[in-house]
Amino acid sequence: QGQLVESGGGSVQPGGSLTLTCAASGFTFTNYVMCWYRQAPGKERELVARIGRSGDITYYDDSVKGRFTISRDNAENTVYLQMKSLKPEDTAVYYCNAQKYWGQGTQVTVSS
């Protein structure tokens, strides 16, 4: 059974940085495009970033382009989301996704 476990969330001030980590297990990691989604209170879940199976193709939502970087380590079955210049509007629960597999989410709060 596939499993995704996120870590690295927390509270930071505007302009700060965080790196989220998602550890995958129970499925062939290299067969899957990996995504990060987020869901803010009262809003729908939205796609933040996506990375291809070999890591050579990435996509970012316009709201995070230039500030967030998605990467993956296929040897470690792990995907990362580096977040810089964080804004209050980045506050949300961040979820790791691989098609039908979802993590439990990790809270990111940006506030002064």
Protein backbone atom coordinates (compact mmCIF):
# COMPACT_ATOMS: atom_id res chain seq x y z
CA GLN A 1 0.00 0.00 0.00
CA GLY A 2 1.43 3.31 -1.03
CA GLN A 3 2.17 5.90 1.59
CA LEU A 4 3.33 9.51 1.56
CA VAL A 5 4.55 11.24 4.70
CA GLU A 6 5.17 14.99 4.75
CA SER A 7 7.33 16.88 7.19
CA GLY A 8 8.95 20.28 7.54
CA GLY A 9 5.96 22.53 8.05
CA GLY A 10 5.87 25.20 10.71
CA SER A 11 5.40 28.87 11.48
CA VAL A 12 7.58 31.55 9.93
CA GLN A 13 7.54 35.30 9.50
CA PRO A 14 6.89 36.87 6.11
CA GLY A 15 10.02 36.66 4.00
CA GLY A 16 11.13 33.48 5.71
CA SER A 17 11.90 30.07 4.27
CA LEU A 18 10.86 26.48 4.82
CA THR A 19 11.61 23.21 3.09
CA LEU A 20 8.95 20.52 3.01
CA THR A 21 9.88 16.86 2.60
CA CYS A 22 7.70 14.00 1.40
CA ALA A 23 8.88 10.44 1.91
CA ALA A 24 7.24 7.84 -0.31
CA SER A 25 6.93 4.11 0.25
CA GLY A 26 4.93 1.14 -0.95
CA PHE A 27 4.95 1.96 -4.65
CA THR A 28 7.48 2.41 -7.45
CA PHE A 29 8.42 6.04 -6.90
CA THR A 30 10.07 6.54 -10.27
CA ASN A 31 6.85 5.64 -12.08
CA TYR A 32 5.03 8.65 -10.68
CA VAL A 33 4.89 12.34 -11.37
CA MET A 34 4.98 13.98 -7.93
CA CYS A 35 2.98 17.02 -6.89
CA TRP A 36 2.59 19.42 -4.02
CA TYR A 37 -0.88 20.83 -3.35
CA ARG A 38 -2.07 23.22 -0.69
CA GLN A 39 -5.37 24.08 0.89
CA ALA A 40 -6.03 27.27 2.79
CA PRO A 41 -8.97 27.61 5.19
CA GLY A 42 -12.22 28.04 3.28
CA LYS A 43 -10.56 27.47 -0.08
CA GLU A 44 -10.25 24.59 -2.50
CA ARG A 45 -7.12 22.49 -2.70
CA GLU A 46 -4.82 23.85 -5.40
CA LEU A 47 -1.80 22.54 -7.27
CA VAL A 48 1.37 24.35 -6.25
CA ALA A 49 4.11 22.47 -8.11
CA ARG A 50 4.70 19.31 -10.09
CA ILE A 51 7.84 17.39 -11.09
CA GLY A 52 8.28 14.75 -13.75
CA ARG A 53 9.39 11.22 -13.09
CA SER A 54 13.05 11.89 -13.82
CA GLY A 55 12.99 15.37 -12.32
CA ASP A 56 13.71 17.19 -15.56
CA ILE A 57 10.28 18.74 -16.03
CA THR A 58 8.69 21.03 -13.47
CA TYR A 59 5.56 23.15 -13.26
CA TYR A 60 4.70 25.93 -10.83
CA ASP A 61 1.55 27.86 -10.15
CA ASP A 62 2.01 31.53 -10.99
CA SER A 63 1.55 32.46 -7.33
CA VAL A 64 4.74 30.64 -6.29
CA LYS A 65 6.87 30.88 -9.42
CA GLY A 66 10.34 32.20 -8.61
CA ARG A 67 9.90 31.57 -4.87
CA PHE A 68 9.31 27.81 -4.61
CA THR A 69 11.44 24.97 -5.98
CA ILE A 70 10.32 21.39 -6.31
CA SER A 71 12.90 18.61 -6.53
CA ARG A 72 13.11 14.88 -6.07
CA ASP A 73 15.65 12.26 -5.05
CA ASN A 74 14.70 9.03 -6.78
CA ALA A 75 17.35 7.09 -4.86
CA GLU A 76 15.69 8.12 -1.59
CA ASN A 77 12.06 8.07 -2.78
CA THR A 78 11.69 11.64 -1.59
CA VAL A 79 10.31 14.85 -3.01
CA TYR A 80 11.03 18.31 -1.65
CA LEU A 81 9.47 21.73 -1.80
CA GLN A 82 11.82 24.61 -1.00
CA MET A 83 9.86 27.72 -0.16
CA LYS A 84 11.46 31.17 0.03
CA SER A 85 10.17 34.70 0.43
CA LEU A 86 7.08 33.31 2.09
CA LYS A 87 3.97 35.46 2.23
CA PRO A 88 0.93 35.33 4.53
CA GLU A 89 -1.11 34.09 1.59
CA ASP A 90 1.09 30.98 1.46
CA THR A 91 -0.49 29.88 4.75
CA ALA A 92 -2.14 26.51 4.14
CA VAL A 93 -1.93 22.80 4.71
CA TYR A 94 0.50 21.41 2.14
CA TYR A 95 -0.06 17.94 0.71
CA CYS A 96 2.20 15.62 -1.22
CA ASN A 97 0.53 13.69 -4.04
CA ALA A 98 1.27 10.85 -6.42
CA GLN A 99 -1.90 10.20 -8.44
CA LYS A 100 -4.15 8.24 -6.05
CA TYR A 101 -1.78 8.58 -3.11
CA TRP A 102 -2.01 11.52 -0.72
CA GLY A 103 -0.06 12.45 2.36
CA GLN A 104 -1.67 13.60 5.59
CA GLY A 105 -0.59 17.18 5.08
CA THR A 106 1.71 19.55 6.92
CA GLN A 107 0.71 23.00 8.15
CA VAL A 108 2.59 26.07 6.96
CA THR A 109 1.75 29.35 8.69
CA VAL A 110 3.25 32.66 7.59
CA SER A 111 2.54 35.44 10.03
CA SER A 112 4.24 38.32 11.78
